[in-house]
N, C-alpha and C. Protein backbone atom coordinates (compact mmCIF):
# COMPACT_ATOMS: atom_id res chain seq x y z
N MET A 1 -27.94 27.74 -48.57
CA MET A 1 -27.64 27.16 -47.27
C MET A 1 -28.26 25.77 -47.15
N ILE A 2 -29.54 25.64 -47.54
CA ILE A 2 -30.21 24.34 -47.44
C ILE A 2 -29.55 23.35 -48.40
N ARG A 3 -29.18 23.80 -49.59
CA ARG A 3 -28.54 22.92 -50.56
C ARG A 3 -27.21 22.40 -50.00
N LYS A 4 -26.45 23.27 -49.32
CA LYS A 4 -25.17 22.87 -48.73
C LYS A 4 -25.38 21.83 -47.64
N ILE A 5 -26.39 22.02 -46.78
CA ILE A 5 -26.69 21.05 -45.72
C ILE A 5 -27.14 19.73 -46.33
N THR A 6 -27.97 19.78 -47.38
CA THR A 6 -28.44 18.57 -48.04
C THR A 6 -27.28 17.81 -48.66
N THR A 7 -26.37 18.52 -49.29
CA THR A 7 -25.19 17.89 -49.90
C THR A 7 -24.34 17.21 -48.84
N ILE A 8 -24.08 17.89 -47.75
CA ILE A 8 -23.31 17.30 -46.65
C ILE A 8 -24.03 16.09 -46.07
N GLY A 9 -25.35 16.19 -45.90
CA GLY A 9 -26.14 15.07 -45.39
C GLY A 9 -26.06 13.86 -46.29
N CYS A 10 -26.15 14.08 -47.61
CA CYS A 10 -26.05 12.97 -48.56
C CYS A 10 -24.67 12.34 -48.51
N MET A 11 -23.64 13.14 -48.40
CA MET A 11 -22.29 12.60 -48.33
C MET A 11 -22.10 11.76 -47.07
N LEU A 12 -22.64 12.21 -45.96
CA LEU A 12 -22.56 11.43 -44.71
C LEU A 12 -23.32 10.12 -44.82
N LEU A 13 -24.50 10.16 -45.45
CA LEU A 13 -25.31 8.96 -45.64
C LEU A 13 -24.57 7.96 -46.51
N ILE A 14 -23.99 8.42 -47.61
CA ILE A 14 -23.25 7.52 -48.49
C ILE A 14 -22.06 6.92 -47.75
N ALA A 15 -21.35 7.73 -46.99
CA ALA A 15 -20.20 7.23 -46.23
C ALA A 15 -20.63 6.20 -45.20
N ALA A 16 -21.75 6.42 -44.54
CA ALA A 16 -22.23 5.48 -43.53
C ALA A 16 -22.66 4.16 -44.14
N VAL A 17 -23.26 4.19 -45.32
CA VAL A 17 -23.77 2.99 -45.96
C VAL A 17 -22.66 2.20 -46.65
N SER A 18 -21.63 2.87 -47.11
CA SER A 18 -20.64 2.19 -47.94
C SER A 18 -19.34 1.86 -47.21
N PHE A 19 -19.38 1.64 -45.91
CA PHE A 19 -18.16 1.26 -45.23
C PHE A 19 -17.80 -0.17 -45.60
N ASN A 20 -16.56 -0.56 -45.34
CA ASN A 20 -16.04 -1.86 -45.76
C ASN A 20 -16.61 -2.98 -44.91
N CYS A 21 -17.47 -3.81 -45.49
CA CYS A 21 -17.98 -4.97 -44.77
C CYS A 21 -17.89 -6.18 -45.68
N SER A 22 -17.81 -7.36 -45.07
CA SER A 22 -17.69 -8.57 -45.87
C SER A 22 -19.06 -8.98 -46.39
N ASN A 23 -19.04 -9.82 -47.39
CA ASN A 23 -20.29 -10.30 -47.97
C ASN A 23 -20.31 -11.81 -47.83
N ASP A 24 -20.35 -12.29 -46.59
CA ASP A 24 -20.38 -13.73 -46.38
C ASP A 24 -21.78 -14.20 -46.03
N ASP A 25 -21.94 -15.51 -45.94
CA ASP A 25 -23.26 -16.09 -45.70
C ASP A 25 -23.80 -15.83 -44.31
N ASN A 26 -22.92 -15.51 -43.35
CA ASN A 26 -23.35 -15.30 -41.97
C ASN A 26 -23.74 -13.85 -41.69
N ASN A 27 -23.59 -13.00 -42.66
CA ASN A 27 -23.89 -11.59 -42.51
C ASN A 27 -23.09 -10.92 -41.39
N ASN A 28 -21.89 -11.42 -41.14
CA ASN A 28 -21.02 -10.80 -40.15
C ASN A 28 -20.33 -9.60 -40.77
N MET A 29 -20.36 -8.50 -40.07
CA MET A 29 -19.69 -7.31 -40.59
C MET A 29 -18.26 -7.27 -40.08
N GLU A 30 -17.34 -6.95 -40.95
CA GLU A 30 -15.95 -6.77 -40.58
C GLU A 30 -15.56 -5.35 -40.96
N ILE A 31 -15.08 -4.62 -40.01
CA ILE A 31 -14.63 -3.27 -40.28
C ILE A 31 -13.12 -3.25 -40.13
N GLU A 32 -12.44 -2.89 -41.19
CA GLU A 32 -10.99 -2.88 -41.18
C GLU A 32 -10.51 -1.52 -40.69
N THR A 33 -9.64 -1.56 -39.69
CA THR A 33 -9.06 -0.32 -39.21
C THR A 33 -7.55 -0.45 -39.25
N LYS A 34 -6.92 0.62 -39.56
CA LYS A 34 -5.46 0.65 -39.57
C LYS A 34 -5.04 1.85 -38.75
N ALA A 35 -4.96 1.63 -37.44
CA ALA A 35 -4.58 2.70 -36.53
C ALA A 35 -3.11 2.56 -36.17
N VAL A 36 -2.47 3.66 -35.96
CA VAL A 36 -1.09 3.69 -35.54
C VAL A 36 -1.06 4.33 -34.15
N PHE A 37 -0.47 3.61 -33.21
CA PHE A 37 -0.39 4.11 -31.84
C PHE A 37 1.07 4.33 -31.47
N ALA A 38 1.31 5.30 -30.66
CA ALA A 38 2.66 5.59 -30.19
C ALA A 38 2.63 5.80 -28.69
N LEU A 39 3.60 5.22 -27.99
CA LEU A 39 3.71 5.44 -26.56
C LEU A 39 4.14 6.88 -26.33
N GLU A 40 3.42 7.59 -25.49
CA GLU A 40 3.74 8.98 -25.20
C GLU A 40 4.10 9.16 -23.73
N ASP A 41 3.32 8.55 -22.85
CA ASP A 41 3.52 8.72 -21.42
C ASP A 41 2.99 7.48 -20.72
N GLN A 42 3.71 7.01 -19.73
CA GLN A 42 3.27 5.84 -18.99
C GLN A 42 3.13 6.20 -17.53
N MET A 43 2.04 5.77 -16.95
CA MET A 43 1.79 6.06 -15.55
C MET A 43 0.93 4.95 -14.96
N GLY A 44 1.35 3.70 -15.17
CA GLY A 44 0.62 2.58 -14.60
C GLY A 44 0.58 2.64 -13.08
N ARG A 45 1.66 3.07 -12.52
CA ARG A 45 1.75 3.26 -11.07
C ARG A 45 2.01 4.74 -10.83
N PRO A 46 1.01 5.46 -10.34
CA PRO A 46 1.15 6.90 -10.16
C PRO A 46 2.39 7.28 -9.35
N ALA A 47 3.06 8.30 -9.80
CA ALA A 47 4.22 8.91 -9.15
C ALA A 47 5.52 8.13 -9.33
N VAL A 48 5.47 6.86 -9.70
CA VAL A 48 6.70 6.08 -9.84
C VAL A 48 7.56 6.65 -10.96
N ASN A 49 6.98 6.86 -12.11
CA ASN A 49 7.69 7.45 -13.24
C ASN A 49 8.21 8.83 -12.85
N THR A 50 7.37 9.61 -12.21
CA THR A 50 7.73 10.97 -11.83
C THR A 50 8.93 11.01 -10.89
N VAL A 51 8.97 10.10 -9.92
CA VAL A 51 10.01 10.12 -8.88
C VAL A 51 11.30 9.42 -9.31
N PHE A 52 11.20 8.29 -9.97
CA PHE A 52 12.39 7.46 -10.18
C PHE A 52 13.05 7.60 -11.54
N VAL A 53 12.39 8.23 -12.49
CA VAL A 53 13.00 8.38 -13.81
C VAL A 53 13.61 9.77 -13.91
N SER A 54 14.90 9.83 -14.17
CA SER A 54 15.60 11.10 -14.30
C SER A 54 15.01 11.90 -15.46
N SER A 55 15.07 13.21 -15.35
CA SER A 55 14.51 14.09 -16.37
C SER A 55 15.05 13.77 -17.77
N ALA A 56 16.33 13.50 -17.87
CA ALA A 56 16.94 13.22 -19.17
C ALA A 56 16.46 11.90 -19.77
N SER A 57 15.88 11.02 -18.94
CA SER A 57 15.45 9.70 -19.42
C SER A 57 13.94 9.57 -19.57
N LYS A 58 13.19 10.63 -19.30
CA LYS A 58 11.72 10.55 -19.35
C LYS A 58 11.21 10.05 -20.69
N ASP A 59 11.67 10.64 -21.79
CA ASP A 59 11.17 10.22 -23.10
C ASP A 59 11.52 8.77 -23.40
N ALA A 60 12.73 8.37 -23.06
CA ALA A 60 13.14 6.98 -23.30
C ALA A 60 12.28 6.02 -22.47
N PHE A 61 12.04 6.34 -21.20
CA PHE A 61 11.21 5.49 -20.36
C PHE A 61 9.79 5.40 -20.91
N ASN A 62 9.23 6.54 -21.26
CA ASN A 62 7.85 6.58 -21.72
C ASN A 62 7.63 5.88 -23.05
N THR A 63 8.67 5.68 -23.83
CA THR A 63 8.50 5.01 -25.12
C THR A 63 9.07 3.60 -25.12
N THR A 64 9.51 3.12 -23.98
CA THR A 64 9.98 1.74 -23.86
C THR A 64 8.79 0.86 -23.47
N ILE A 65 8.62 -0.25 -24.16
CA ILE A 65 7.50 -1.12 -23.81
C ILE A 65 7.74 -1.70 -22.41
N PRO A 66 6.68 -1.86 -21.64
CA PRO A 66 6.84 -2.28 -20.24
C PRO A 66 7.65 -3.55 -20.03
N SER A 67 7.55 -4.52 -20.92
CA SER A 67 8.30 -5.77 -20.73
C SER A 67 9.81 -5.56 -20.80
N GLU A 68 10.25 -4.43 -21.34
CA GLU A 68 11.68 -4.14 -21.45
C GLU A 68 12.15 -3.09 -20.43
N GLN A 69 11.24 -2.47 -19.72
CA GLN A 69 11.61 -1.39 -18.80
C GLN A 69 12.50 -1.85 -17.66
N GLY A 70 12.20 -2.98 -17.07
CA GLY A 70 12.99 -3.45 -15.93
C GLY A 70 14.46 -3.60 -16.26
N ALA A 71 14.76 -4.24 -17.38
CA ALA A 71 16.15 -4.47 -17.78
C ALA A 71 16.87 -3.15 -18.06
N VAL A 72 16.15 -2.18 -18.60
CA VAL A 72 16.78 -0.92 -18.99
C VAL A 72 16.89 0.07 -17.82
N PHE A 73 15.87 0.10 -16.95
CA PHE A 73 15.78 1.21 -15.99
C PHE A 73 15.91 0.83 -14.51
N SER A 74 15.96 -0.45 -14.16
CA SER A 74 15.98 -0.80 -12.74
C SER A 74 17.23 -0.28 -12.02
N ALA A 75 18.37 -0.23 -12.69
CA ALA A 75 19.59 0.31 -12.04
C ALA A 75 19.40 1.79 -11.71
N MET A 76 18.79 2.56 -12.63
CA MET A 76 18.51 3.98 -12.37
C MET A 76 17.54 4.11 -11.21
N PHE A 77 16.50 3.28 -11.20
CA PHE A 77 15.52 3.32 -10.11
C PHE A 77 16.21 3.05 -8.77
N LYS A 78 17.09 2.06 -8.74
CA LYS A 78 17.77 1.72 -7.49
C LYS A 78 18.66 2.87 -7.02
N THR A 79 19.42 3.45 -7.93
CA THR A 79 20.28 4.59 -7.59
C THR A 79 19.44 5.73 -7.02
N ASN A 80 18.33 6.04 -7.68
CA ASN A 80 17.46 7.13 -7.23
C ASN A 80 16.77 6.80 -5.91
N LEU A 81 16.36 5.55 -5.72
CA LEU A 81 15.73 5.14 -4.46
C LEU A 81 16.72 5.29 -3.30
N GLU A 82 17.92 4.79 -3.47
CA GLU A 82 18.91 4.85 -2.39
C GLU A 82 19.32 6.29 -2.09
N ALA A 83 19.35 7.15 -3.09
CA ALA A 83 19.68 8.56 -2.87
C ALA A 83 18.53 9.30 -2.21
N LEU A 84 17.33 8.89 -2.49
CA LEU A 84 16.14 9.57 -2.02
C LEU A 84 15.69 9.14 -0.63
N SER A 85 15.80 7.86 -0.35
CA SER A 85 15.20 7.32 0.86
C SER A 85 16.21 6.85 1.90
N PRO A 86 16.19 7.47 3.08
CA PRO A 86 17.05 6.99 4.16
C PRO A 86 16.64 5.61 4.66
N ALA A 87 15.46 5.14 4.29
CA ALA A 87 15.02 3.81 4.70
C ALA A 87 15.81 2.71 3.99
N PHE A 88 16.56 3.07 2.96
CA PHE A 88 17.39 2.10 2.23
C PHE A 88 18.87 2.47 2.30
N ASN A 89 19.31 3.04 3.44
CA ASN A 89 20.70 3.45 3.59
C ASN A 89 21.67 2.27 3.65
N GLU A 90 21.25 1.18 4.21
CA GLU A 90 22.10 -0.01 4.34
C GLU A 90 21.66 -1.07 3.34
N SER A 91 22.59 -1.88 2.89
CA SER A 91 22.25 -2.91 1.90
C SER A 91 21.28 -3.95 2.47
N THR A 92 21.21 -4.05 3.79
CA THR A 92 20.30 -5.01 4.42
C THR A 92 18.92 -4.42 4.70
N ASP A 93 18.75 -3.11 4.48
CA ASP A 93 17.45 -2.47 4.73
C ASP A 93 16.41 -3.01 3.77
N THR A 94 15.18 -3.14 4.28
CA THR A 94 14.06 -3.57 3.46
C THR A 94 12.86 -2.67 3.74
N ASN A 95 11.85 -2.80 2.90
CA ASN A 95 10.59 -2.09 3.17
C ASN A 95 9.65 -3.06 3.90
N ALA A 96 8.44 -2.64 4.13
CA ALA A 96 7.48 -3.47 4.88
C ALA A 96 7.10 -4.74 4.15
N LEU A 97 7.43 -4.82 2.87
CA LEU A 97 7.16 -6.04 2.10
C LEU A 97 8.33 -7.02 2.19
N GLY A 98 9.41 -6.60 2.90
CA GLY A 98 10.59 -7.45 3.01
C GLY A 98 11.49 -7.34 1.78
N GLN A 99 11.28 -6.33 0.96
CA GLN A 99 12.07 -6.16 -0.25
C GLN A 99 13.24 -5.21 -0.01
N ASP A 100 14.44 -5.64 -0.42
CA ASP A 100 15.57 -4.73 -0.38
C ASP A 100 15.47 -3.79 -1.58
N ALA A 101 16.42 -2.89 -1.71
CA ALA A 101 16.35 -1.88 -2.77
C ALA A 101 16.31 -2.52 -4.16
N THR A 102 17.07 -3.57 -4.37
CA THR A 102 17.09 -4.23 -5.68
C THR A 102 15.74 -4.85 -6.01
N ALA A 103 15.18 -5.60 -5.08
CA ALA A 103 13.89 -6.25 -5.33
C ALA A 103 12.78 -5.23 -5.54
N PHE A 104 12.79 -4.19 -4.71
CA PHE A 104 11.74 -3.17 -4.81
C PHE A 104 11.83 -2.42 -6.14
N THR A 105 13.03 -2.03 -6.55
CA THR A 105 13.14 -1.30 -7.80
C THR A 105 12.91 -2.19 -9.02
N ASN A 106 13.23 -3.47 -8.91
CA ASN A 106 12.88 -4.39 -10.01
C ASN A 106 11.36 -4.47 -10.17
N LEU A 107 10.64 -4.43 -9.06
CA LEU A 107 9.17 -4.43 -9.11
C LEU A 107 8.66 -3.12 -9.72
N LEU A 108 9.21 -2.01 -9.30
CA LEU A 108 8.71 -0.71 -9.75
C LEU A 108 9.10 -0.35 -11.18
N ALA A 109 10.24 -0.84 -11.65
CA ALA A 109 10.76 -0.41 -12.94
C ALA A 109 9.89 -0.84 -14.12
N THR A 110 9.04 -1.81 -13.93
CA THR A 110 8.09 -2.17 -14.98
C THR A 110 6.78 -1.47 -14.64
N ASP A 111 6.51 -0.38 -15.35
CA ASP A 111 5.41 0.52 -15.02
C ASP A 111 4.09 0.03 -15.63
N VAL A 112 3.48 -0.91 -14.95
CA VAL A 112 2.19 -1.45 -15.39
C VAL A 112 1.24 -1.46 -14.20
N LEU A 113 -0.03 -1.50 -14.50
CA LEU A 113 -1.04 -1.67 -13.46
C LEU A 113 -1.52 -3.10 -13.55
N ASN A 114 -1.08 -3.94 -12.62
CA ASN A 114 -1.50 -5.34 -12.59
C ASN A 114 -2.96 -5.41 -12.17
N VAL A 115 -3.65 -6.45 -12.59
CA VAL A 115 -5.04 -6.64 -12.21
C VAL A 115 -5.26 -8.12 -11.90
N SER A 116 -5.78 -8.40 -10.72
CA SER A 116 -6.14 -9.77 -10.36
C SER A 116 -7.55 -10.04 -10.88
N LEU A 117 -7.67 -11.08 -11.67
CA LEU A 117 -8.98 -11.42 -12.23
C LEU A 117 -9.80 -12.30 -11.30
N ASP A 118 -9.16 -12.88 -10.30
CA ASP A 118 -9.90 -13.79 -9.43
C ASP A 118 -9.66 -13.55 -7.94
N GLY A 119 -9.16 -12.38 -7.59
CA GLY A 119 -8.92 -12.10 -6.18
C GLY A 119 -9.21 -10.66 -5.85
N THR A 120 -8.65 -10.23 -4.74
CA THR A 120 -8.84 -8.86 -4.29
C THR A 120 -8.19 -7.88 -5.25
N THR A 121 -8.89 -6.82 -5.55
CA THR A 121 -8.35 -5.76 -6.41
C THR A 121 -7.96 -4.60 -5.51
N THR A 122 -6.66 -4.42 -5.35
CA THR A 122 -6.17 -3.34 -4.49
C THR A 122 -4.75 -2.99 -4.87
N PHE A 123 -4.36 -1.78 -4.56
CA PHE A 123 -2.98 -1.37 -4.76
C PHE A 123 -2.13 -1.99 -3.66
N TYR A 124 -2.60 -1.89 -2.43
CA TYR A 124 -1.97 -2.55 -1.29
C TYR A 124 -2.92 -2.46 -0.12
N ASP A 125 -3.20 -3.59 0.50
CA ASP A 125 -4.11 -3.60 1.65
C ASP A 125 -3.50 -4.24 2.89
N GLY A 126 -2.19 -4.35 2.91
CA GLY A 126 -1.50 -5.00 4.02
C GLY A 126 -1.14 -6.44 3.70
N THR A 127 -1.87 -7.06 2.81
CA THR A 127 -1.61 -8.43 2.39
C THR A 127 -1.39 -8.51 0.89
N ASN A 128 -2.34 -7.99 0.15
CA ASN A 128 -2.27 -8.03 -1.32
C ASN A 128 -1.54 -6.80 -1.83
N LEU A 129 -0.68 -7.00 -2.80
CA LEU A 129 0.11 -5.90 -3.36
C LEU A 129 -0.03 -5.89 -4.86
N LEU A 130 -0.36 -4.74 -5.41
CA LEU A 130 -0.42 -4.52 -6.85
C LEU A 130 -1.28 -5.54 -7.57
N THR A 131 -2.47 -5.79 -7.03
CA THR A 131 -3.42 -6.69 -7.68
C THR A 131 -4.52 -5.90 -8.39
N GLY A 132 -4.29 -4.65 -8.57
CA GLY A 132 -5.25 -3.76 -9.22
C GLY A 132 -5.27 -2.45 -8.46
N ARG A 133 -6.36 -1.76 -8.62
CA ARG A 133 -6.47 -0.48 -7.92
C ARG A 133 -7.93 -0.13 -7.76
N ALA A 134 -8.37 -0.09 -6.53
CA ALA A 134 -9.73 0.35 -6.23
C ALA A 134 -9.73 1.87 -6.15
N LEU A 135 -10.86 2.49 -6.44
CA LEU A 135 -10.93 3.95 -6.39
C LEU A 135 -10.55 4.50 -5.02
N THR A 136 -10.85 3.77 -3.99
CA THR A 136 -10.60 4.25 -2.63
C THR A 136 -9.17 3.99 -2.14
N ASP A 137 -8.36 3.29 -2.91
CA ASP A 137 -6.98 3.02 -2.50
C ASP A 137 -6.19 4.32 -2.41
N ASP A 138 -5.46 4.47 -1.33
CA ASP A 138 -4.60 5.65 -1.15
C ASP A 138 -3.23 5.32 -1.74
N VAL A 139 -3.14 5.41 -3.04
CA VAL A 139 -1.97 4.96 -3.77
C VAL A 139 -0.71 5.74 -3.39
N ILE A 140 -0.80 7.04 -3.32
CA ILE A 140 0.40 7.84 -3.04
C ILE A 140 0.93 7.57 -1.63
N THR A 141 0.06 7.50 -0.64
CA THR A 141 0.52 7.18 0.72
C THR A 141 1.14 5.79 0.75
N THR A 142 0.55 4.83 0.06
CA THR A 142 1.13 3.48 0.01
C THR A 142 2.53 3.53 -0.58
N GLU A 143 2.70 4.25 -1.68
CA GLU A 143 4.03 4.35 -2.28
C GLU A 143 5.01 5.04 -1.35
N LEU A 144 4.57 6.11 -0.69
CA LEU A 144 5.44 6.79 0.26
C LEU A 144 5.85 5.87 1.40
N LEU A 145 4.93 5.09 1.91
CA LEU A 145 5.25 4.14 2.99
C LEU A 145 6.28 3.11 2.53
N LEU A 146 6.10 2.58 1.33
CA LEU A 146 7.02 1.54 0.83
C LEU A 146 8.39 2.12 0.50
N ILE A 147 8.44 3.39 0.14
CA ILE A 147 9.71 4.03 -0.18
C ILE A 147 10.42 4.52 1.08
N PHE A 148 9.70 5.18 1.99
CA PHE A 148 10.32 5.84 3.13
C PHE A 148 10.06 5.17 4.47
N GLY A 149 9.08 4.30 4.58
CA GLY A 149 8.62 3.80 5.87
C GLY A 149 9.46 2.73 6.52
N GLY A 150 10.41 2.16 5.78
CA GLY A 150 11.25 1.12 6.37
C GLY A 150 10.51 -0.19 6.54
N GLU A 151 11.05 -1.04 7.41
CA GLU A 151 10.53 -2.40 7.60
C GLU A 151 9.13 -2.44 8.19
N ASP A 152 8.80 -1.47 9.04
CA ASP A 152 7.50 -1.52 9.73
C ASP A 152 6.70 -0.22 9.59
N PHE A 153 7.03 0.57 8.60
CA PHE A 153 6.37 1.84 8.33
C PHE A 153 6.63 2.91 9.39
N SER A 154 7.60 2.67 10.28
CA SER A 154 7.85 3.64 11.35
C SER A 154 8.98 4.62 11.03
N GLU A 155 9.83 4.30 10.07
CA GLU A 155 10.92 5.21 9.71
C GLU A 155 10.37 6.41 8.94
N ASN A 156 10.96 7.53 9.14
CA ASN A 156 10.65 8.74 8.37
C ASN A 156 9.17 9.08 8.30
N PRO A 157 8.49 9.19 9.43
CA PRO A 157 7.03 9.42 9.40
C PRO A 157 6.61 10.69 8.67
N THR A 158 7.45 11.70 8.65
CA THR A 158 7.05 12.93 7.95
C THR A 158 7.08 12.76 6.43
N LEU A 159 7.80 11.75 5.94
CA LEU A 159 7.87 11.50 4.51
C LEU A 159 6.95 10.37 4.06
N SER A 160 6.29 9.71 5.00
CA SER A 160 5.55 8.49 4.70
C SER A 160 4.05 8.64 4.55
N ASP A 161 3.57 9.86 4.41
CA ASP A 161 2.13 10.07 4.26
C ASP A 161 1.90 11.38 3.53
N ASP A 162 0.99 11.38 2.58
CA ASP A 162 0.67 12.63 1.88
C ASP A 162 -0.42 13.42 2.60
N HIS A 163 -1.01 12.83 3.64
CA HIS A 163 -2.03 13.46 4.47
C HIS A 163 -3.28 13.87 3.69
N VAL A 164 -3.53 13.18 2.61
CA VAL A 164 -4.79 13.33 1.87
C VAL A 164 -5.55 12.03 2.15
N ASP A 165 -6.48 12.10 3.09
CA ASP A 165 -7.10 10.89 3.60
C ASP A 165 -8.46 10.56 3.01
N ALA A 166 -8.95 11.39 2.12
CA ALA A 166 -10.26 11.12 1.51
C ALA A 166 -10.36 11.86 0.19
N ASN A 167 -11.24 11.39 -0.64
CA ASN A 167 -11.54 12.08 -1.89
C ASN A 167 -12.32 13.35 -1.57
N ASP A 168 -12.29 14.31 -2.44
CA ASP A 168 -13.02 15.55 -2.18
C ASP A 168 -14.54 15.35 -2.25
N LYS A 169 -14.99 14.32 -2.95
CA LYS A 169 -16.40 13.95 -3.00
C LYS A 169 -16.51 12.44 -2.84
N GLU A 170 -17.61 12.00 -2.29
CA GLU A 170 -17.84 10.56 -2.13
C GLU A 170 -17.98 9.90 -3.49
N PHE A 171 -17.48 8.67 -3.61
CA PHE A 171 -17.67 7.91 -4.83
C PHE A 171 -19.12 7.42 -4.88
N LEU A 172 -19.61 7.20 -6.07
CA LEU A 172 -20.97 6.69 -6.25
C LEU A 172 -20.97 5.19 -6.04
N SER A 173 -22.10 4.62 -5.65
CA SER A 173 -22.20 3.18 -5.41
C SER A 173 -22.51 2.40 -6.68
N GLU A 174 -22.78 3.10 -7.77
CA GLU A 174 -23.03 2.43 -9.04
C GLU A 174 -22.32 3.17 -10.16
N PHE A 175 -22.23 2.53 -11.32
CA PHE A 175 -21.53 3.10 -12.46
C PHE A 175 -22.07 4.48 -12.78
N PRO A 176 -21.23 5.46 -12.99
CA PRO A 176 -19.81 5.43 -13.30
C PRO A 176 -18.89 5.53 -12.09
N TYR A 177 -19.39 5.43 -10.89
CA TYR A 177 -18.65 5.38 -9.62
C TYR A 177 -17.96 6.69 -9.24
N LEU A 178 -17.46 7.43 -10.19
CA LEU A 178 -16.80 8.70 -9.88
C LEU A 178 -17.86 9.76 -9.62
N ALA A 179 -17.58 10.63 -8.69
CA ALA A 179 -18.50 11.73 -8.38
C ALA A 179 -18.55 12.69 -9.55
N SER A 180 -19.64 13.41 -9.65
CA SER A 180 -19.75 14.39 -10.72
C SER A 180 -18.76 15.52 -10.46
N PRO A 181 -18.34 16.20 -11.53
CA PRO A 181 -17.41 17.33 -11.33
C PRO A 181 -18.08 18.43 -10.54
N TRP A 182 -17.28 19.34 -10.05
CA TRP A 182 -17.80 20.42 -9.21
C TRP A 182 -18.86 21.19 -9.90
């Protein structure tokens, strides 16, 4: 048993010492990695993929790079939005951002989480839209309001709020910010 542990220990030591590094004058280490990544699921904007992408198109959407999603999927998003939301029954209907169905679905069809590097970070605060996401942002209610709430958030009030108004535990004021699990 001890011999087996010693052998494994020696093999680990040799592996740790003999990794690929350069032998230059600056003593900079370079570690070469060859990783292969595959898109499996995209959820930059929670619930958007779930609501607007048809079941038959889920795999195609999830494996399409975001820069190409709008061109491929915005028509499907618009069809699904108009079928789903009475707030977009007329071609002149807009949401509280002043976006008609085409503009709104063009925004949503590219499933990314934008981040503002020099401004407010929020999903939506009444002024800033999709500039990031703070832990306290009520993302699902915001999406419901923009989908069902109409021009002033007054249309379809029963569909415009998930009624989850707080996290189950308070967030921490310092890193890692998330509350500990139950």
